[in-house]
Structure formats: C-alpha cells, structure tokens
Amino acid sequence: MSWPPTIPPGQRGMADIPEDLLALLRQVDTPTVCNAIEVAQGARGFNRFTRGTMQHSKPGDPPIVGRARTAKIAGLAPPQEDPATIRARRMDYFRSMAGGQGPTCAVVEDLDYPNCIAGWWGEVHVAVHKGLGLAGAVTNGVMRDLDVIDEGFPVLAGSIGVSHGFVHVREIGTRVSILGLHVAQGELIHADRHGALVIPEDVIPALKAAIDTVMASEAIVLVPARQSGFGIERLEEAWAAFEAART
C-alpha cells in the first residue's frame, strides 16, 4: 500500500476543521463516521480502519478525535542500546507527544505485536499524556491499571495485561500500523470501542453534511421500527426508502 505523506507538525491542526464538525465528531460513534466518509466519497469501499476486536479502557466514553502523534515501542526483550540513549529517547517521545496543534491523540505501535506484553498505557502514562493535552490513545499494544487510570483519557488497545516488560521507545513520529490501519503523524483519527479510522483530508469539507445524511437515512427505518404497529408491510415501505437514500 502507498503511504500518504506525513503532515508536518504545525501545518495542520484543528484550526483547519470547522468547529461545528469537530463538535459533531465528538458526539457520533466511529461506525457512523465510517459510513459518512463513504457518503462524502460517493461510493463504498473506504478501508482505512482497524481490523478485529480491540479493547477499550472505558466503554461508553466519548470518541477519541485528534491529529495523530505517532511512535513505536517494544518491550518483549531488553533494549540493545545503552540506558542513556533509551532515557533520552523517552523524553524526546514526550516532547513529540506534547507537540502539534490540538486536539491530538497518541497512536503508538507495539513492534512485538501479536506477542505484546508491555503495558505502556497504565496509570502513569495515561496521567502524563492527559496532562500534556492529548485526547486519548490508540495502540495495538497493552493497557493496564484499568480501575485506577484517570477519567477523560480513553485508550483503545490491542490487549489488556499486567506487565510493563522491558518497554522502551524505538521510533518517534514515524508511520505506524495498528491492526491493519496505517497512520502517518498528523492524520485525523476517530476512534471508540468499535475501532479506529483515519478521516481523509479531502472529505473534511463535506463530512458534517455526510454525517447528517447517514443519520437521516437510518432514521427512515429506525423511527417506524421503534413505533407500535410496526410489521413487514411498514418495513417493506421504509426499507425501499432507506435503500434509495443510502450510499
């Protein structure tokens, strides 16, 4: 697959996204956004989303919406570099995570996948990243400390575990892969308990109208289905209208 270009820090941020769209993205679930992207593109086939079932730290929390701050970690085996280099890179990681125009979110690939053991996302790192202003985290790796992590910082992870292993930062700001989703630093992420996706830049101007269209078309079936007296006759009528309205 060809990579989209990395969006340099400071060149893109929420300033290029209308406030009404940003507010709406924080209210709707990720499947709705996925459908709306296809409406905006005028065809089915959008595929920049995670595959498989992921674990959410606080199911029911509002979605994660933000520009990706990317990194790669590992923890199954001890690092091969000297401790001073590892410590310095971790601080560079934090500086990078604190950068960019907000809102931002952490998108961190664990290179040990599918054998990840390193709980990078626990009480300490959730508090630190939240304090640095990020909106949440998406990873193929491990999260832990679920009963004590701070509110208001959702984590969507590949698994739940108990250990931190030999966790260390390998790369900062590079393209990452999270359960089939490839992400470049600066790309716009939407994620909730269903998974994560990248919102293409070219659909942003049409996305609010597309979300409204998705919700209106689904209401064609949902409203009568939830009313008394619903039956096959009303379904046939509603479904025909629904088919005519959706992408």
C-alpha atoms as a PDB file:
ATOM      1  CA  MET A   1       0.000   0.000   0.000  1.00  0.00           C
ATOM      2  CA  SER A   2       1.230   3.518  -0.739  1.00  0.00           C
ATOM      3  CA  TRP A   3       1.629   5.775   2.257  1.00  0.00           C
ATOM      4  CA  PRO A   4       0.057   9.212   2.480  1.00  0.00           C
ATOM      5  CA  PRO A   5       2.632  11.906   3.161  1.00  0.00           C
ATOM      6  CA  THR A   6       3.401  12.758   6.762  1.00  0.00           C
ATOM      7  CA  ILE A   7       1.732  16.011   7.776  1.00  0.00           C
ATOM      8  CA  PRO A   8       4.445  18.172   9.361  1.00  0.00           C
ATOM      9  CA  PRO A   9       3.702  19.383  12.907  1.00  0.00           C
ATOM     10  CA  GLY A  10       2.174  22.834  12.872  1.00  0.00           C
ATOM     11  CA  GLN A  11       0.999  22.676   9.269  1.00  0.00           C
ATOM     12  CA  ARG A  12      -2.283  21.007  10.120  1.00  0.00           C
ATOM     13  CA  GLY A  13      -4.410  21.028  13.218  1.00  0.00           C
ATOM     14  CA  MET A  14      -7.937  21.524  14.389  1.00  0.00           C
ATOM     15  CA  ALA A  15      -7.815  25.079  13.047  1.00  0.00           C
ATOM     16  CA  ASP A  16      -8.494  23.597   9.587  1.00  0.00           C
ATOM     17  CA  ILE A  17     -11.573  21.737  10.850  1.00  0.00           C
ATOM     18  CA  PRO A  18     -14.811  23.667  11.356  1.00  0.00           C
ATOM     19  CA  GLU A  19     -15.896  23.897  14.984  1.00  0.00           C
ATOM     20  CA  ASP A  20     -19.350  22.500  14.219  1.00  0.00           C
ATOM     21  CA  LEU A  21     -17.785  19.438  12.584  1.00  0.00           C
ATOM     22  CA  LEU A  22     -15.398  18.951  15.491  1.00  0.00           C
ATOM     23  CA  ALA A  23     -18.279  19.106  17.971  1.00  0.00           C
ATOM     24  CA  LEU A  24     -20.252  16.594  15.918  1.00  0.00           C
ATOM     25  CA  LEU A  25     -17.300  14.192  15.642  1.00  0.00           C
ATOM     26  CA  ARG A  26     -17.074  14.166  19.423  1.00  0.00           C
ATOM     27  CA  GLN A  27     -20.703  13.028  19.642  1.00  0.00           C
ATOM     28  CA  VAL A  28     -21.079  10.327  16.990  1.00  0.00           C
ATOM     29  CA  ASP A  29     -19.624   6.830  17.023  1.00  0.00           C
ATOM     30  CA  THR A  30     -16.877   5.610  14.721  1.00  0.00           C
ATOM     31  CA  PRO A  31     -19.122   3.359  12.588  1.00  0.00           C
ATOM     32  CA  THR A  32     -21.249   6.427  11.774  1.00  0.00           C
ATOM     33  CA  VAL A  33     -18.121   8.319  10.717  1.00  0.00           C
ATOM     34  CA  CYS A  34     -17.033   5.350   8.601  1.00  0.00           C
ATOM     35  CA  ASN A  35     -20.388   5.330   6.803  1.00  0.00           C
ATOM     36  CA  ALA A  36     -20.301   9.101   6.390  1.00  0.00           C
ATOM     37  CA  ILE A  37     -16.875   9.002   4.754  1.00  0.00           C
ATOM     38  CA  GLU A  38     -18.329   6.718   2.081  1.00  0.00           C
ATOM     39  CA  VAL A  39     -21.234   9.141   1.620  1.00  0.00           C
ATOM     40  CA  ALA A  40     -18.761  12.005   1.216  1.00  0.00           C
ATOM     41  CA  GLN A  41     -16.722   9.939  -1.255  1.00  0.00           C
ATOM     42  CA  GLY A  42     -19.851   8.872  -3.140  1.00  0.00           C
ATOM     43  CA  ALA A  43     -19.072   5.147  -3.069  1.00  0.00           C
ATOM     44  CA  ARG A  44     -18.488   2.190  -0.779  1.00  0.00           C
ATOM     45  CA  GLY A  45     -15.021   0.763  -0.275  1.00  0.00           C
ATOM     46  CA  PHE A  46     -13.378   3.065   2.283  1.00  0.00           C
ATOM     47  CA  ASN A  47     -10.861   0.864   4.100  1.00  0.00           C
ATOM     48  CA  ARG A  48      -8.636   2.941   6.393  1.00  0.00           C
ATOM     49  CA  PHE A  49      -9.812   1.392   9.650  1.00  0.00           C
ATOM     50  CA  THR A  50      -8.605  -1.172  12.197  1.00  0.00           C
ATOM     51  CA  ARG A  51      -9.428  -4.853  11.841  1.00  0.00           C
ATOM     52  CA  GLY A  52     -10.535  -7.227  14.571  1.00  0.00           C
ATOM     53  CA  THR A  53     -11.741  -6.611  18.106  1.00  0.00           C
ATOM     54  CA  MET A  54      -9.902  -4.117  20.266  1.00  0.00           C
ATOM     55  CA  GLN A  55     -10.144  -3.401  23.993  1.00  0.00           C
ATOM     56  CA  HIS A  56     -11.456  -0.065  25.289  1.00  0.00           C
ATOM     57  CA  SER A  57     -10.464   1.335  28.675  1.00  0.00           C
ATOM     58  CA  LYS A  58     -13.832   2.999  29.346  1.00  0.00           C
ATOM     59  CA  PRO A  59     -16.559   1.683  27.020  1.00  0.00           C
ATOM     60  CA  GLY A  60     -19.163   4.386  26.556  1.00  0.00           C
ATOM     61  CA  ASP A  61     -16.702   7.278  26.764  1.00  0.00           C
ATOM     62  CA  PRO A  62     -16.904   9.909  24.011  1.00  0.00           C
ATOM     63  CA  PRO A  63     -14.807   9.064  20.957  1.00  0.00           C
ATOM     64  CA  ILE A  64     -11.162   9.982  20.550  1.00  0.00           C
ATOM     65  CA  VAL A  65     -10.819  12.767  17.972  1.00  0.00           C
ATOM     66  CA  GLY A  66      -7.449  14.278  17.166  1.00  0.00           C
ATOM     67  CA  ARG A  67      -4.400  14.548  14.978  1.00  0.00           C
ATOM     68  CA  ALA A  68      -2.092  11.559  15.417  1.00  0.00           C
ATOM     69  CA  ARG A  69       1.142  11.838  17.371  1.00  0.00           C
ATOM     70  CA  THR A  70       2.895   8.623  16.405  1.00  0.00           C
ATOM     71  CA  ALA A  71       5.571   6.407  17.912  1.00  0.00           C
ATOM     72  CA  LYS A  72       6.777   2.823  18.085  1.00  0.00           C
ATOM     73  CA  ILE A  73       7.638   0.901  21.253  1.00  0.00           C
ATOM     74  CA  ALA A  74       8.768  -2.608  22.196  1.00  0.00           C
ATOM     75  CA  GLY A  75       9.031  -4.479  25.469  1.00  0.00           C
ATOM     76  CA  LEU A  76       9.264  -8.221  24.978  1.00  0.00           C
ATOM     77  CA  ALA A  77      13.070  -8.163  25.133  1.00  0.00           C
ATOM     78  CA  PRO A  78      15.551  -5.753  26.763  1.00  0.00           C
ATOM     79  CA  PRO A  79      16.732  -2.853  24.588  1.00  0.00           C
ATOM     80  CA  GLN A  80      20.084  -3.272  22.879  1.00  0.00           C
ATOM     81  CA  GLU A  81      21.095   0.384  23.167  1.00  0.00           C
ATOM     82  CA  ASP A  82      22.717   1.947  26.200  1.00  0.00           C
ATOM     83  CA  PRO A  83      20.467   3.194  29.022  1.00  0.00           C
ATOM     84  CA  ALA A  84      21.312   6.859  28.450  1.00  0.00           C
ATOM     85  CA  THR A  85      20.125   6.642  24.845  1.00  0.00           C
ATOM     86  CA  ILE A  86      16.907   4.926  25.912  1.00  0.00           C
ATOM     87  CA  ARG A  87      16.219   7.552  28.591  1.00  0.00           C
ATOM     88  CA  ALA A  88      16.918  10.423  26.203  1.00  0.00           C
ATOM     89  CA  ARG A  89      14.639   8.962  23.548  1.00  0.00           C
ATOM     90  CA  ARG A  90      11.796   8.611  26.047  1.00  0.00           C
ATOM     91  CA  MET A  91      11.991  12.328  26.843  1.00  0.00           C
ATOM     92  CA  ASP A  92      12.102  13.090  23.117  1.00  0.00           C
ATOM     93  CA  TYR A  93       8.970  10.964  22.840  1.00  0.00           C
ATOM     94  CA  PHE A  94       7.203  13.067  25.471  1.00  0.00           C
ATOM     95  CA  ARG A  95       8.286  16.266  23.715  1.00  0.00           C
ATOM     96  CA  SER A  96       6.853  14.952  20.461  1.00  0.00           C
ATOM     97  CA  MET A  97       3.608  13.895  22.123  1.00  0.00           C
ATOM     98  CA  ALA A  98       3.255  17.405  23.545  1.00  0.00           C
ATOM     99  CA  GLY A  99       3.702  18.932  20.076  1.00  0.00           C
ATOM    100  CA  GLY A 100       1.348  19.665  17.220  1.00  0.00           C
ATOM    101  CA  GLN A 101      -1.859  21.668  17.067  1.00  0.00           C
ATOM    102  CA  GLY A 102      -4.543  20.180  19.280  1.00  0.00           C
ATOM    103  CA  PRO A 103      -6.575  18.286  19.901  1.00  0.00           C
ATOM    104  CA  THR A 104      -4.122  15.466  19.355  1.00  0.00           C
ATOM    105  CA  CYS A 105      -4.069  11.781  20.229  1.00  0.00           C
ATOM    106  CA  ALA A 106      -1.325   9.231  20.704  1.00  0.00           C
ATOM    107  CA  VAL A 107      -1.109   6.469  18.094  1.00  0.00           C
ATOM    108  CA  VAL A 108       1.551   4.021  19.278  1.00  0.00           C
ATOM    109  CA  GLU A 109       2.564   0.798  17.561  1.00  0.00           C
ATOM    110  CA  ASP A 110       3.989  -2.013  19.687  1.00  0.00           C
ATOM    111  CA  LEU A 111       6.524  -3.765  17.466  1.00  0.00           C
ATOM    112  CA  ASP A 112       6.092  -7.017  19.418  1.00  0.00           C
ATOM    113  CA  TYR A 113       2.543  -7.492  18.119  1.00  0.00           C
ATOM    114  CA  PRO A 114       0.906 -10.029  18.337  1.00  0.00           C
ATOM    115  CA  ASN A 115       3.086 -11.058  21.301  1.00  0.00           C
ATOM    116  CA  CYS A 116       2.923  -7.769  23.191  1.00  0.00           C
ATOM    117  CA  ILE A 117       3.429  -7.825  26.952  1.00  0.00           C
ATOM    118  CA  ALA A 118       4.421  -4.230  27.737  1.00  0.00           C
ATOM    119  CA  GLY A 119       1.635  -2.223  29.391  1.00  0.00           C
ATOM    120  CA  TRP A 120       2.716   1.210  28.166  1.00  0.00           C
ATOM    121  CA  TRP A 121      -0.784   2.536  28.809  1.00  0.00           C
ATOM    122  CA  GLY A 122      -1.310   2.380  32.576  1.00  0.00           C
ATOM    123  CA  GLU A 123      -1.937   4.815  35.402  1.00  0.00           C
ATOM    124  CA  VAL A 124       1.288   6.791  34.957  1.00  0.00           C
ATOM    125  CA  HIS A 125       1.332   7.226  31.192  1.00  0.00           C
ATOM    126  CA  VAL A 126      -2.389   7.955  30.993  1.00  0.00           C
ATOM    127  CA  ALA A 127      -1.940  10.753  33.552  1.00  0.00           C
ATOM    128  CA  VAL A 128       1.151  12.083  31.765  1.00  0.00           C
ATOM    129  CA  HIS A 129      -0.355  12.090  28.277  1.00  0.00           C
ATOM    130  CA  LYS A 130      -3.605  13.590  29.536  1.00  0.00           C
ATOM    131  CA  GLY A 131      -1.582  16.267  31.330  1.00  0.00           C
ATOM    132  CA  LEU A 132       0.279  17.009  28.084  1.00  0.00           C
ATOM    133  CA  GLY A 133      -3.066  17.744  26.449  1.00  0.00           C
ATOM    134  CA  LEU A 134      -3.714  14.656  24.323  1.00  0.00           C
ATOM    135  CA  ALA A 135      -7.291  13.435  23.889  1.00  0.00           C
ATOM    136  CA  GLY A 136      -6.639   9.689  24.105  1.00  0.00           C
ATOM    137  CA  ALA A 137      -4.545   6.839  22.753  1.00  0.00           C
ATOM    138  CA  VAL A 138      -4.800   4.146  20.101  1.00  0.00           C
ATOM    139  CA  THR A 139      -2.411   1.183  20.174  1.00  0.00           C
ATOM    140  CA  ASN A 140      -2.037  -2.421  19.103  1.00  0.00           C
ATOM    141  CA  GLY A 141      -0.252  -2.996  22.403  1.00  0.00           C
ATOM    142  CA  VAL A 142      -1.186  -3.476  26.038  1.00  0.00           C
ATOM    143  CA  MET A 143      -3.036  -1.365  28.593  1.00  0.00           C
ATOM    144  CA  ARG A 144      -3.391  -1.991  32.327  1.00  0.00           C
ATOM    145  CA  ASP A 145      -4.424  -0.322  35.625  1.00  0.00           C
ATOM    146  CA  LEU A 146      -7.964  -0.050  34.293  1.00  0.00           C
ATOM    147  CA  ASP A 147      -9.506   0.535  37.721  1.00  0.00           C
ATOM    148  CA  VAL A 148      -7.271   3.489  38.564  1.00  0.00           C
ATOM    149  CA  ILE A 149      -6.432   5.291  35.321  1.00  0.00           C
ATOM    150  CA  ASP A 150      -7.679   8.870  35.009  1.00  0.00           C
ATOM    151  CA  GLU A 151     -11.095   9.666  33.597  1.00  0.00           C
ATOM    152  CA  GLY A 152     -11.271  11.628  30.381  1.00  0.00           C
ATOM    153  CA  PHE A 153      -8.482   9.842  28.517  1.00  0.00           C
ATOM    154  CA  PRO A 154      -9.815   6.851  26.550  1.00  0.00           C
ATOM    155  CA  VAL A 155      -7.388   4.155  25.475  1.00  0.00           C
ATOM    156  CA  LEU A 156      -8.168   1.782  22.603  1.00  0.00           C
ATOM    157  CA  ALA A 157      -5.705  -1.112  22.808  1.00  0.00           C
ATOM    158  CA  GLY A 158      -4.885  -4.464  21.311  1.00  0.00           C
ATOM    159  CA  SER A 159      -4.989  -6.232  24.679  1.00  0.00           C
ATOM    160  CA  ILE A 160      -5.092  -5.941  28.465  1.00  0.00           C
ATOM    161  CA  GLY A 161      -2.187  -7.181  30.578  1.00  0.00           C
ATOM    162  CA  VAL A 162      -0.284  -6.946  33.845  1.00  0.00           C
ATOM    163  CA  SER A 163       3.382  -6.306  32.993  1.00  0.00           C
ATOM    164  CA  HIS A 164       5.484  -3.430  31.651  1.00  0.00           C
ATOM    165  CA  GLY A 165       8.101  -5.873  30.360  1.00  0.00           C
ATOM    166  CA  PHE A 166      11.222  -4.140  29.050  1.00  0.00           C
ATOM    167  CA  VAL A 167       9.215  -1.367  27.427  1.00  0.00           C
ATOM    168  CA  HIS A 168      11.157   1.310  25.575  1.00  0.00           C
ATOM    169  CA  VAL A 169      10.633   3.732  22.710  1.00  0.00           C
ATOM    170  CA  ARG A 170      12.028   2.707  19.336  1.00  0.00           C
ATOM    171  CA  GLU A 171      10.813   5.419  16.924  1.00  0.00           C
ATOM    172  CA  ILE A 172       9.116   8.810  17.181  1.00  0.00           C
ATOM    173  CA  GLY A 173       6.903  10.490  14.604  1.00  0.00           C
ATOM    174  CA  THR A 174       7.154   7.711  12.014  1.00  0.00           C
ATOM    175  CA  ARG A 175       4.333   5.947  10.201  1.00  0.00           C
ATOM    176  CA  VAL A 176       2.746   3.226  12.315  1.00  0.00           C
ATOM    177  CA  SER A 177       0.497   0.216  11.796  1.00  0.00           C
ATOM    178  CA  ILE A 178      -2.335  -0.562  14.213  1.00  0.00           C
ATOM    179  CA  LEU A 179      -4.276  -3.748  13.400  1.00  0.00           C
ATOM    180  CA  GLY A 180      -4.251  -3.073   9.683  1.00  0.00           C
ATOM    181  CA  LEU A 181      -4.642   0.703   9.951  1.00  0.00           C
ATOM    182  CA  HIS A 182      -1.631   2.665   8.698  1.00  0.00           C
ATOM    183  CA  VAL A 183      -1.260   6.125  10.227  1.00  0.00           C
ATOM    184  CA  ALA A 184       1.104   8.996   9.479  1.00  0.00           C
ATOM    185  CA  GLN A 185       1.827  11.663  12.041  1.00  0.00           C
ATOM    186  CA  GLY A 186      -0.725  14.472  11.795  1.00  0.00           C
ATOM    187  CA  GLU A 187      -3.543  12.468  10.249  1.00  0.00           C
ATOM    188  CA  LEU A 188      -7.005  12.916  11.736  1.00  0.00           C
ATOM    189  CA  ILE A 189      -8.134   9.992  13.905  1.00  0.00           C
ATOM    190  CA  HIS A 190     -11.606   8.993  15.077  1.00  0.00           C
ATOM    191  CA  ALA A 191     -11.801   6.054  17.489  1.00  0.00           C
ATOM    192  CA  ASP A 192     -14.141   4.467  20.003  1.00  0.00           C
ATOM    193  CA  ARG A 193     -14.893   0.983  21.353  1.00  0.00           C
ATOM    194  CA  HIS A 194     -15.547  -0.271  17.799  1.00  0.00           C
ATOM    195  CA  GLY A 195     -12.083   0.584  16.484  1.00  0.00           C
ATOM    196  CA  ALA A 196     -10.223   3.453  14.874  1.00  0.00           C
ATOM    197  CA  LEU A 197     -10.088   5.063  11.455  1.00  0.00           C
ATOM    198  CA  VAL A 198      -8.298   7.850   9.600  1.00  0.00           C
ATOM    199  CA  ILE A 199     -10.507  10.606   8.206  1.00  0.00           C
ATOM    200  CA  PRO A 200      -9.182  11.550   4.748  1.00  0.00           C
ATOM    201  CA  GLU A 201      -8.319  15.223   4.426  1.00  0.00           C
ATOM    202  CA  ASP A 202     -10.337  15.656   1.240  1.00  0.00           C
ATOM    203  CA  VAL A 203     -13.645  14.633   2.836  1.00  0.00           C
ATOM    204  CA  ILE A 204     -13.430  17.108   5.729  1.00  0.00           C
ATOM    205  CA  PRO A 205     -15.372  19.904   3.957  1.00  0.00           C
ATOM    206  CA  ALA A 206     -18.272  17.522   3.195  1.00  0.00           C
ATOM    207  CA  LEU A 207     -18.152  15.359   6.323  1.00  0.00           C
ATOM    208  CA  LYS A 208     -20.692  17.161   8.529  1.00  0.00           C
ATOM    209  CA  ALA A 209     -23.322  17.050   5.790  1.00  0.00           C
ATOM    210  CA  ALA A 210     -22.446  13.396   5.169  1.00  0.00           C
ATOM    211  CA  ILE A 211     -22.924  12.514   8.856  1.00  0.00           C
ATOM    212  CA  ASP A 212     -26.280  14.299   8.805  1.00  0.00           C
ATOM    213  CA  THR A 213     -27.214  12.288   5.703  1.00  0.00           C
ATOM    214  CA  VAL A 214     -26.268   8.983   7.367  1.00  0.00           C
ATOM    215  CA  MET A 215     -28.321   9.758  10.449  1.00  0.00           C
ATOM    216  CA  ALA A 216     -31.315  10.931   8.421  1.00  0.00           C
ATOM    217  CA  SER A 217     -31.274   7.871   6.168  1.00  0.00           C
ATOM    218  CA  GLU A 218     -31.045   5.468   9.120  1.00  0.00           C
ATOM    219  CA  ALA A 219     -33.973   7.258  10.751  1.00  0.00           C
ATOM    220  CA  ILE A 220     -36.116   6.201   7.782  1.00  0.00           C
ATOM    221  CA  VAL A 221     -36.030   2.659   9.180  1.00  0.00           C
ATOM    222  CA  LEU A 222     -35.309   3.279  12.853  1.00  0.00           C
ATOM    223  CA  VAL A 223     -38.269   5.552  13.546  1.00  0.00           C
ATOM    224  CA  PRO A 224     -41.007   3.198  12.285  1.00  0.00           C
ATOM    225  CA  ALA A 225     -39.193   0.108  13.615  1.00  0.00           C
ATOM    226  CA  ARG A 226     -39.393   1.536  17.130  1.00  0.00           C
ATOM    227  CA  GLN A 227     -43.046   2.501  16.901  1.00  0.00           C
ATOM    228  CA  SER A 228     -46.021   0.360  17.812  1.00  0.00           C
ATOM    229  CA  GLY A 229     -47.748  -1.368  14.923  1.00  0.00           C
ATOM    230  CA  PHE A 230     -44.513  -1.999  13.039  1.00  0.00           C
ATOM    231  CA  GLY A 231     -44.676  -5.026  10.762  1.00  0.00           C
ATOM    232  CA  ILE A 232     -43.490  -6.404   7.467  1.00  0.00           C
ATOM    233  CA  GLU A 233     -45.656  -4.055   5.414  1.00  0.00           C
ATOM    234  CA  ARG A 234     -44.226  -0.955   7.057  1.00  0.00           C
ATOM    235  CA  LEU A 235     -40.743  -2.453   6.838  1.00  0.00           C
ATOM    236  CA  GLU A 236     -41.053  -3.008   3.086  1.00  0.00           C
ATOM    237  CA  GLU A 237     -42.090   0.600   2.592  1.00  0.00           C
ATOM    238  CA  ALA A 238     -39.426   2.012   4.900  1.00  0.00           C
ATOM    239  CA  TRP A 239     -36.679  -0.216   3.536  1.00  0.00           C
ATOM    240  CA  ALA A 240     -37.349   0.856  -0.034  1.00  0.00           C
ATOM    241  CA  ALA A 241     -36.976   4.477   1.010  1.00  0.00           C
ATOM    242  CA  PHE A 242     -33.855   3.594   3.007  1.00  0.00           C
ATOM    243  CA  GLU A 243     -32.235   1.843   0.035  1.00  0.00           C
ATOM    244  CA  ALA A 244     -32.941   4.850  -2.160  1.00  0.00           C
ATOM    245  CA  ALA A 245     -31.357   7.224   0.358  1.00  0.00           C
ATOM    246  CA  ARG A 246     -28.170   5.440   1.412  1.00  0.00           C
ATOM    247  CA  THR A 247     -24.785   5.050  -0.256  1.00  0.00           C
END
